[in-house]
């Protein structure tokens, strides 16, 4: 409910507006602000990123990082009228992926959309912890939230050792969201050739040897990876060093 002190609606939650000579009633902005505040409080955003925004993201004057920032800004502005409802930020650790992902989520929540933040490994742990061997069922809370939330932010996708159960669980969540056109914002440190990554990289400790990094498809499976690329715009983060360390030196 609106606060009684709102000068626009005097606590009623409604304001009169005139359009084409007719007077009509519409929801006061205080109601929308109350709703977005409640949605953000329920979104599970970690305190570290509670104030993450597109405005306070530091691109260090890097044109490539600035371009990514603008892509995320456009996504948050134009959703849901987009060719693909999701966004996948892929790149090395410390490039600002989580900040940008949360900034997009918070912008969408401010527009009135419902969203949930989940750390990938924590989500799987929560689903697994609720498993009941006697009944063969699992806790539905985290699983259903990941499936049904209007917008799901899945941070650090693939940061879990591969098991058949993990692959099946991730595939079911991503497939369901893809089939129902539900938005997924995801971040991952894993490489993918189709996203501009190089799987083999030269090992600096042993010259002449190649260090084979784990790929996205190896961690989430070919089915989930296929659906992910079908539903998301893929954004490759530029190599800018460790974003967290650079922020601390400013």
C-alpha atoms as a PDB file:
ATOM      1  CA  UNK A   1       0.000   0.000   0.000  1.00  0.00           C
ATOM      2  CA  UNK A   2       1.011   3.579  -0.506  1.00  0.00           C
ATOM      3  CA  UNK A   3       2.184   5.691   2.394  1.00  0.00           C
ATOM      4  CA  UNK A   4      -0.459   8.178   3.551  1.00  0.00           C
ATOM      5  CA  UNK A   5       2.050  11.017   3.166  1.00  0.00           C
ATOM      6  CA  UNK A   6       2.354  10.734  -0.633  1.00  0.00           C
ATOM      7  CA  UNK A   7       1.669  14.241  -1.999  1.00  0.00           C
ATOM      8  CA  UNK A   8       0.486  12.910  -5.347  1.00  0.00           C
ATOM      9  CA  UNK A   9      -2.252  10.507  -4.271  1.00  0.00           C
ATOM     10  CA  UNK A  10      -2.698  11.359  -0.571  1.00  0.00           C
ATOM     11  CA  UNK A  11      -2.353   7.682   0.271  1.00  0.00           C
ATOM     12  CA  UNK A  12      -5.026   6.379  -2.097  1.00  0.00           C
ATOM     13  CA  UNK A  13      -2.570   4.834  -4.556  1.00  0.00           C
ATOM     14  CA  UNK A  14      -4.398   6.447  -7.485  1.00  0.00           C
ATOM     15  CA  UNK A  15      -4.006   9.735  -9.333  1.00  0.00           C
ATOM     16  CA  UNK A  16      -6.276  11.450 -11.837  1.00  0.00           C
ATOM     17  CA  UNK A  17      -4.863  12.034 -15.307  1.00  0.00           C
ATOM     18  CA  UNK A  18      -6.380  13.747 -18.315  1.00  0.00           C
ATOM     19  CA  UNK A  19      -6.029  12.223 -21.752  1.00  0.00           C
ATOM     20  CA  UNK A  20      -7.785  13.481 -24.896  1.00  0.00           C
ATOM     21  CA  UNK A  21     -10.233  15.476 -22.823  1.00  0.00           C
ATOM     22  CA  UNK A  22     -11.153  12.576 -20.567  1.00  0.00           C
ATOM     23  CA  UNK A  23     -10.248  12.154 -16.910  1.00  0.00           C
ATOM     24  CA  UNK A  24      -9.040   8.729 -15.853  1.00  0.00           C
ATOM     25  CA  UNK A  25      -7.363   7.122 -12.852  1.00  0.00           C
ATOM     26  CA  UNK A  26      -3.994   5.398 -12.907  1.00  0.00           C
ATOM     27  CA  UNK A  27      -1.628   3.943 -10.346  1.00  0.00           C
ATOM     28  CA  UNK A  28       0.522   6.470  -8.523  1.00  0.00           C
ATOM     29  CA  UNK A  29       4.298   6.232  -8.887  1.00  0.00           C
ATOM     30  CA  UNK A  30       4.545   5.591  -5.137  1.00  0.00           C
ATOM     31  CA  UNK A  31       2.829   2.223  -5.689  1.00  0.00           C
ATOM     32  CA  UNK A  32       5.318   1.328  -8.393  1.00  0.00           C
ATOM     33  CA  UNK A  33       8.210   2.351  -6.147  1.00  0.00           C
ATOM     34  CA  UNK A  34       6.810   0.264  -3.291  1.00  0.00           C
ATOM     35  CA  UNK A  35       6.475  -2.735  -5.605  1.00  0.00           C
ATOM     36  CA  UNK A  36      10.006  -2.479  -6.993  1.00  0.00           C
ATOM     37  CA  UNK A  37      11.388  -2.157  -3.456  1.00  0.00           C
ATOM     38  CA  UNK A  38       9.556  -5.289  -2.370  1.00  0.00           C
ATOM     39  CA  UNK A  39      10.670  -7.173  -5.475  1.00  0.00           C
ATOM     40  CA  UNK A  40      14.312  -6.244  -4.947  1.00  0.00           C
ATOM     41  CA  UNK A  41      14.183  -7.245  -1.284  1.00  0.00           C
ATOM     42  CA  UNK A  42      12.876 -10.662  -2.327  1.00  0.00           C
ATOM     43  CA  UNK A  43      15.316 -11.138  -5.221  1.00  0.00           C
ATOM     44  CA  UNK A  44      18.140 -12.623  -3.138  1.00  0.00           C
ATOM     45  CA  UNK A  45      20.785 -10.219  -4.422  1.00  0.00           C
ATOM     46  CA  UNK A  46      23.976 -10.605  -2.307  1.00  0.00           C
ATOM     47  CA  UNK A  47      24.898  -7.584  -0.135  1.00  0.00           C
ATOM     48  CA  UNK A  48      28.146  -7.180  -2.087  1.00  0.00           C
ATOM     49  CA  UNK A  49      26.118  -6.289  -5.176  1.00  0.00           C
ATOM     50  CA  UNK A  50      23.163  -4.580  -3.488  1.00  0.00           C
ATOM     51  CA  UNK A  51      24.057  -1.235  -5.078  1.00  0.00           C
ATOM     52  CA  UNK A  52      25.408  -2.502  -8.395  1.00  0.00           C
ATOM     53  CA  UNK A  53      24.160  -0.358 -11.238  1.00  0.00           C
ATOM     54  CA  UNK A  54      25.008   0.517 -14.804  1.00  0.00           C
ATOM     55  CA  UNK A  55      25.840   4.015 -13.629  1.00  0.00           C
ATOM     56  CA  UNK A  56      28.497   2.967 -11.104  1.00  0.00           C
ATOM     57  CA  UNK A  57      30.075   0.310 -13.318  1.00  0.00           C
ATOM     58  CA  UNK A  58      33.628   1.420 -14.069  1.00  0.00           C
ATOM     59  CA  UNK A  59      34.751   0.746 -17.627  1.00  0.00           C
ATOM     60  CA  UNK A  60      38.158   2.405 -17.114  1.00  0.00           C
ATOM     61  CA  UNK A  61      37.803   4.153 -20.449  1.00  0.00           C
ATOM     62  CA  UNK A  62      38.150   0.803 -22.215  1.00  0.00           C
ATOM     63  CA  UNK A  63      36.120   0.972 -25.488  1.00  0.00           C
ATOM     64  CA  UNK A  64      35.394  -2.773 -25.517  1.00  0.00           C
ATOM     65  CA  UNK A  65      34.187  -2.747 -21.902  1.00  0.00           C
ATOM     66  CA  UNK A  66      32.130   0.375 -22.588  1.00  0.00           C
ATOM     67  CA  UNK A  67      30.497  -1.423 -25.522  1.00  0.00           C
ATOM     68  CA  UNK A  68      29.524  -4.346 -23.262  1.00  0.00           C
ATOM     69  CA  UNK A  69      28.113  -1.867 -20.747  1.00  0.00           C
ATOM     70  CA  UNK A  70      25.959  -0.343 -23.502  1.00  0.00           C
ATOM     71  CA  UNK A  71      24.761  -3.778 -24.645  1.00  0.00           C
ATOM     72  CA  UNK A  72      23.616  -4.594 -21.107  1.00  0.00           C
ATOM     73  CA  UNK A  73      21.989  -1.155 -20.785  1.00  0.00           C
ATOM     74  CA  UNK A  74      20.067  -1.717 -24.026  1.00  0.00           C
ATOM     75  CA  UNK A  75      18.970  -5.163 -22.850  1.00  0.00           C
ATOM     76  CA  UNK A  76      17.584  -3.762 -19.584  1.00  0.00           C
ATOM     77  CA  UNK A  77      15.861  -0.935 -21.451  1.00  0.00           C
ATOM     78  CA  UNK A  78      14.286  -2.942 -24.275  1.00  0.00           C
ATOM     79  CA  UNK A  79      13.259  -6.122 -22.427  1.00  0.00           C
ATOM     80  CA  UNK A  80      10.915  -7.927 -23.097  1.00  0.00           C
ATOM     81  CA  UNK A  81      10.788  -6.720 -26.720  1.00  0.00           C
ATOM     82  CA  UNK A  82      13.950  -8.514 -27.765  1.00  0.00           C
ATOM     83  CA  UNK A  83      14.760 -11.271 -30.286  1.00  0.00           C
ATOM     84  CA  UNK A  84      16.098 -13.357 -27.398  1.00  0.00           C
ATOM     85  CA  UNK A  85      14.900 -12.985 -23.780  1.00  0.00           C
ATOM     86  CA  UNK A  86      18.225 -13.889 -22.154  1.00  0.00           C
ATOM     87  CA  UNK A  87      21.756 -12.607 -21.763  1.00  0.00           C
ATOM     88  CA  UNK A  88      24.934 -14.659 -21.253  1.00  0.00           C
ATOM     89  CA  UNK A  89      28.072 -12.822 -20.127  1.00  0.00           C
ATOM     90  CA  UNK A  90      31.094 -15.021 -20.744  1.00  0.00           C
ATOM     91  CA  UNK A  91      34.693 -14.219 -19.878  1.00  0.00           C
ATOM     92  CA  UNK A  92      37.570 -14.565 -17.491  1.00  0.00           C
ATOM     93  CA  UNK A  93      37.190 -14.053 -13.716  1.00  0.00           C
ATOM     94  CA  UNK A  94      37.280 -10.470 -12.524  1.00  0.00           C
ATOM     95  CA  UNK A  95      35.988  -8.806 -15.694  1.00  0.00           C
ATOM     96  CA  UNK A  96      32.841  -7.328 -14.123  1.00  0.00           C
ATOM     97  CA  UNK A  97      30.314  -9.902 -15.296  1.00  0.00           C
ATOM     98  CA  UNK A  98      28.397 -10.219 -12.032  1.00  0.00           C
ATOM     99  CA  UNK A  99      28.220  -6.455 -11.509  1.00  0.00           C
ATOM    100  CA  UNK A 100      26.724  -5.968 -14.968  1.00  0.00           C
ATOM    101  CA  UNK A 101      24.331  -8.911 -14.591  1.00  0.00           C
ATOM    102  CA  UNK A 102      23.013  -7.641 -11.246  1.00  0.00           C
ATOM    103  CA  UNK A 103      22.807  -4.098 -12.622  1.00  0.00           C
ATOM    104  CA  UNK A 104      20.575  -5.388 -15.418  1.00  0.00           C
ATOM    105  CA  UNK A 105      18.441  -7.371 -12.970  1.00  0.00           C
ATOM    106  CA  UNK A 106      18.009  -4.369 -10.658  1.00  0.00           C
ATOM    107  CA  UNK A 107      17.065  -2.140 -13.596  1.00  0.00           C
ATOM    108  CA  UNK A 108      14.413  -4.662 -14.678  1.00  0.00           C
ATOM    109  CA  UNK A 109      13.086  -4.960 -11.128  1.00  0.00           C
ATOM    110  CA  UNK A 110      12.807  -1.172 -10.984  1.00  0.00           C
ATOM    111  CA  UNK A 111      10.627  -1.441 -14.086  1.00  0.00           C
ATOM    112  CA  UNK A 112       8.301  -3.802 -12.190  1.00  0.00           C
ATOM    113  CA  UNK A 113       9.531  -7.221 -13.325  1.00  0.00           C
ATOM    114  CA  UNK A 114      10.081 -10.029 -10.828  1.00  0.00           C
ATOM    115  CA  UNK A 115      13.575 -11.490 -10.648  1.00  0.00           C
ATOM    116  CA  UNK A 116      15.717 -13.889  -8.616  1.00  0.00           C
ATOM    117  CA  UNK A 117      19.480 -14.103  -8.102  1.00  0.00           C
ATOM    118  CA  UNK A 118      21.070 -17.521  -7.617  1.00  0.00           C
ATOM    119  CA  UNK A 119      24.700 -18.477  -7.325  1.00  0.00           C
ATOM    120  CA  UNK A 120      24.922 -21.565  -9.525  1.00  0.00           C
ATOM    121  CA  UNK A 121      26.658 -23.832  -7.030  1.00  0.00           C
ATOM    122  CA  UNK A 122      24.502 -22.646  -4.133  1.00  0.00           C
ATOM    123  CA  UNK A 123      21.357 -23.317  -6.145  1.00  0.00           C
ATOM    124  CA  UNK A 124      22.431 -26.886  -6.851  1.00  0.00           C
ATOM    125  CA  UNK A 125      23.442 -27.374  -3.216  1.00  0.00           C
ATOM    126  CA  UNK A 126      20.045 -26.148  -2.027  1.00  0.00           C
ATOM    127  CA  UNK A 127      18.188 -28.463  -4.378  1.00  0.00           C
ATOM    128  CA  UNK A 128      20.382 -31.405  -3.403  1.00  0.00           C
ATOM    129  CA  UNK A 129      20.150 -30.662   0.349  1.00  0.00           C
ATOM    130  CA  UNK A 130      16.381 -30.973   0.232  1.00  0.00           C
ATOM    131  CA  UNK A 131      16.521 -34.417  -1.309  1.00  0.00           C
ATOM    132  CA  UNK A 132      14.457 -36.940   0.605  1.00  0.00           C
ATOM    133  CA  UNK A 133      15.690 -40.513  -0.001  1.00  0.00           C
ATOM    134  CA  UNK A 134      12.508 -41.985   1.466  1.00  0.00           C
ATOM    135  CA  UNK A 135      10.151 -40.297  -0.973  1.00  0.00           C
ATOM    136  CA  UNK A 136      12.513 -39.767  -3.872  1.00  0.00           C
ATOM    137  CA  UNK A 137      11.533 -36.107  -4.115  1.00  0.00           C
ATOM    138  CA  UNK A 138      13.551 -32.937  -3.647  1.00  0.00           C
ATOM    139  CA  UNK A 139      12.834 -29.596  -2.069  1.00  0.00           C
ATOM    140  CA  UNK A 140      10.754 -27.654  -4.534  1.00  0.00           C
ATOM    141  CA  UNK A 141      11.399 -24.124  -3.273  1.00  0.00           C
ATOM    142  CA  UNK A 142      14.719 -23.316  -4.937  1.00  0.00           C
ATOM    143  CA  UNK A 143      13.997 -25.520  -7.925  1.00  0.00           C
ATOM    144  CA  UNK A 144      10.593 -23.966  -8.586  1.00  0.00           C
ATOM    145  CA  UNK A 145      11.967 -20.446  -8.114  1.00  0.00           C
ATOM    146  CA  UNK A 146      14.663 -21.176 -10.698  1.00  0.00           C
ATOM    147  CA  UNK A 147      12.042 -22.530 -13.086  1.00  0.00           C
ATOM    148  CA  UNK A 148       9.212 -20.055 -12.597  1.00  0.00           C
ATOM    149  CA  UNK A 149      10.772 -16.700 -11.720  1.00  0.00           C
ATOM    150  CA  UNK A 150      10.008 -14.129 -14.389  1.00  0.00           C
ATOM    151  CA  UNK A 151      13.724 -13.331 -14.671  1.00  0.00           C
ATOM    152  CA  UNK A 152      16.450 -15.655 -13.376  1.00  0.00           C
ATOM    153  CA  UNK A 153      20.020 -14.510 -12.788  1.00  0.00           C
ATOM    154  CA  UNK A 154      22.340 -17.517 -12.619  1.00  0.00           C
ATOM    155  CA  UNK A 155      25.819 -16.426 -11.540  1.00  0.00           C
ATOM    156  CA  UNK A 156      28.966 -18.454 -12.264  1.00  0.00           C
ATOM    157  CA  UNK A 157      27.221 -20.996 -14.470  1.00  0.00           C
ATOM    158  CA  UNK A 158      29.078 -24.301 -14.649  1.00  0.00           C
ATOM    159  CA  UNK A 159      31.060 -23.799 -11.435  1.00  0.00           C
ATOM    160  CA  UNK A 160      30.343 -27.311 -10.185  1.00  0.00           C
ATOM    161  CA  UNK A 161      31.862 -30.690 -10.902  1.00  0.00           C
ATOM    162  CA  UNK A 162      29.985 -32.648 -13.517  1.00  0.00           C
ATOM    163  CA  UNK A 163      27.658 -35.449 -12.480  1.00  0.00           C
ATOM    164  CA  UNK A 164      24.675 -36.946 -14.246  1.00  0.00           C
ATOM    165  CA  UNK A 165      22.388 -35.351 -11.642  1.00  0.00           C
ATOM    166  CA  UNK A 166      23.916 -31.890 -12.147  1.00  0.00           C
ATOM    167  CA  UNK A 167      23.624 -32.116 -15.925  1.00  0.00           C
ATOM    168  CA  UNK A 168      20.012 -33.307 -15.766  1.00  0.00           C
ATOM    169  CA  UNK A 169      19.039 -30.597 -13.256  1.00  0.00           C
ATOM    170  CA  UNK A 170      20.660 -27.764 -15.200  1.00  0.00           C
ATOM    171  CA  UNK A 171      19.227 -29.028 -18.476  1.00  0.00           C
ATOM    172  CA  UNK A 172      15.707 -29.183 -17.058  1.00  0.00           C
ATOM    173  CA  UNK A 173      15.895 -25.607 -15.727  1.00  0.00           C
ATOM    174  CA  UNK A 174      17.360 -24.090 -18.893  1.00  0.00           C
ATOM    175  CA  UNK A 175      15.105 -26.102 -21.207  1.00  0.00           C
ATOM    176  CA  UNK A 176      11.971 -25.149 -19.270  1.00  0.00           C
ATOM    177  CA  UNK A 177      12.859 -21.478 -19.309  1.00  0.00           C
ATOM    178  CA  UNK A 178      13.720 -21.596 -23.004  1.00  0.00           C
ATOM    179  CA  UNK A 179      10.474 -23.345 -23.928  1.00  0.00           C
ATOM    180  CA  UNK A 180       8.417 -20.856 -21.905  1.00  0.00           C
ATOM    181  CA  UNK A 181      10.364 -17.801 -23.123  1.00  0.00           C
ATOM    182  CA  UNK A 182      11.437 -16.874 -19.594  1.00  0.00           C
ATOM    183  CA  UNK A 183      14.437 -14.582 -19.297  1.00  0.00           C
ATOM    184  CA  UNK A 184      17.759 -15.958 -18.096  1.00  0.00           C
ATOM    185  CA  UNK A 185      20.703 -13.713 -17.299  1.00  0.00           C
ATOM    186  CA  UNK A 186      23.810 -15.831 -16.746  1.00  0.00           C
ATOM    187  CA  UNK A 187      27.520 -15.366 -16.187  1.00  0.00           C
ATOM    188  CA  UNK A 188      30.273 -17.913 -16.686  1.00  0.00           C
ATOM    189  CA  UNK A 189      34.061 -18.121 -16.559  1.00  0.00           C
ATOM    190  CA  UNK A 190      34.101 -21.164 -18.825  1.00  0.00           C
ATOM    191  CA  UNK A 191      35.290 -20.971 -22.396  1.00  0.00           C
ATOM    192  CA  UNK A 192      33.243 -21.573 -25.507  1.00  0.00           C
ATOM    193  CA  UNK A 193      34.590 -21.457 -29.046  1.00  0.00           C
ATOM    194  CA  UNK A 194      31.345 -20.030 -30.449  1.00  0.00           C
ATOM    195  CA  UNK A 195      31.617 -17.130 -28.005  1.00  0.00           C
ATOM    196  CA  UNK A 196      35.080 -16.208 -29.214  1.00  0.00           C
ATOM    197  CA  UNK A 197      37.001 -18.192 -26.587  1.00  0.00           C
ATOM    198  CA  UNK A 198      40.037 -20.304 -27.313  1.00  0.00           C
ATOM    199  CA  UNK A 199      39.896 -23.654 -25.552  1.00  0.00           C
ATOM    200  CA  UNK A 200      43.642 -24.398 -25.551  1.00  0.00           C
ATOM    201  CA  UNK A 201      45.870 -21.727 -24.060  1.00  0.00           C
ATOM    202  CA  UNK A 202      49.637 -21.754 -23.711  1.00  0.00           C
ATOM    203  CA  UNK A 203      50.755 -22.700 -20.214  1.00  0.00           C
ATOM    204  CA  UNK A 204      53.038 -19.906 -18.989  1.00  0.00           C
ATOM    205  CA  UNK A 205      54.635 -22.228 -16.413  1.00  0.00           C
ATOM    206  CA  UNK A 206      55.606 -24.830 -18.975  1.00  0.00           C
ATOM    207  CA  UNK A 207      56.563 -23.209 -22.300  1.00  0.00           C
ATOM    208  CA  UNK A 208      55.534 -25.185 -25.329  1.00  0.00           C
ATOM    209  CA  UNK A 209      52.681 -26.981 -23.577  1.00  0.00           C
ATOM    210  CA  UNK A 210      48.997 -26.226 -24.005  1.00  0.00           C
ATOM    211  CA  UNK A 211      46.712 -25.775 -21.034  1.00  0.00           C
ATOM    212  CA  UNK A 212      43.285 -27.165 -21.887  1.00  0.00           C
ATOM    213  CA  UNK A 213      40.642 -25.159 -20.083  1.00  0.00           C
ATOM    214  CA  UNK A 214      37.262 -26.660 -19.234  1.00  0.00           C
ATOM    215  CA  UNK A 215      34.563 -25.662 -21.703  1.00  0.00           C
ATOM    216  CA  UNK A 216      30.977 -24.674 -21.034  1.00  0.00           C
ATOM    217  CA  UNK A 217      29.592 -27.733 -22.779  1.00  0.00           C
ATOM    218  CA  UNK A 218      31.766 -30.018 -20.634  1.00  0.00           C
ATOM    219  CA  UNK A 219      30.240 -28.573 -17.465  1.00  0.00           C
ATOM    220  CA  UNK A 220      26.560 -28.204 -18.346  1.00  0.00           C
ATOM    221  CA  UNK A 221      26.126 -30.690 -21.192  1.00  0.00           C
ATOM    222  CA  UNK A 222      25.431 -30.286 -24.882  1.00  0.00           C
ATOM    223  CA  UNK A 223      21.637 -30.018 -24.502  1.00  0.00           C
ATOM    224  CA  UNK A 224      21.714 -27.227 -21.922  1.00  0.00           C
ATOM    225  CA  UNK A 225      24.422 -25.395 -23.838  1.00  0.00           C
ATOM    226  CA  UNK A 226      22.373 -25.570 -27.057  1.00  0.00           C
ATOM    227  CA  UNK A 227      19.268 -24.187 -25.335  1.00  0.00           C
ATOM    228  CA  UNK A 228      21.326 -21.492 -23.628  1.00  0.00           C
ATOM    229  CA  UNK A 229      22.627 -20.193 -26.946  1.00  0.00           C
ATOM    230  CA  UNK A 230      19.132 -20.403 -28.417  1.00  0.00           C
ATOM    231  CA  UNK A 231      17.598 -18.173 -25.740  1.00  0.00           C
ATOM    232  CA  UNK A 232      20.441 -15.766 -24.875  1.00  0.00           C
ATOM    233  CA  UNK A 233      22.397 -13.025 -26.539  1.00  0.00           C
ATOM    234  CA  UNK A 234      26.025 -14.047 -26.025  1.00  0.00           C
ATOM    235  CA  UNK A 235      28.324 -11.276 -24.827  1.00  0.00           C
ATOM    236  CA  UNK A 236      32.058 -11.910 -24.681  1.00  0.00           C
ATOM    237  CA  UNK A 237      33.776  -9.869 -21.977  1.00  0.00           C
ATOM    238  CA  UNK A 238      37.053  -8.225 -23.063  1.00  0.00           C
ATOM    239  CA  UNK A 239      40.295  -9.128 -21.314  1.00  0.00           C
ATOM    240  CA  UNK A 240      40.893  -6.192 -18.995  1.00  0.00           C
ATOM    241  CA  UNK A 241      42.764  -7.800 -16.115  1.00  0.00           C
ATOM    242  CA  UNK A 242      41.105  -8.294 -12.743  1.00  0.00           C
ATOM    243  CA  UNK A 243      38.222  -5.825 -12.518  1.00  0.00           C
ATOM    244  CA  UNK A 244      38.025  -6.112  -8.727  1.00  0.00           C
ATOM    245  CA  UNK A 245      41.702  -5.253  -8.234  1.00  0.00           C
ATOM    246  CA  UNK A 246      41.570  -2.354 -10.684  1.00  0.00           C
ATOM    247  CA  UNK A 247      38.602  -0.830  -8.848  1.00  0.00           C
ATOM    248  CA  UNK A 248      40.519  -0.949  -5.577  1.00  0.00           C
ATOM    249  CA  UNK A 249      43.461   0.952  -7.041  1.00  0.00           C
ATOM    250  CA  UNK A 250      41.388   3.913  -8.214  1.00  0.00           C
END
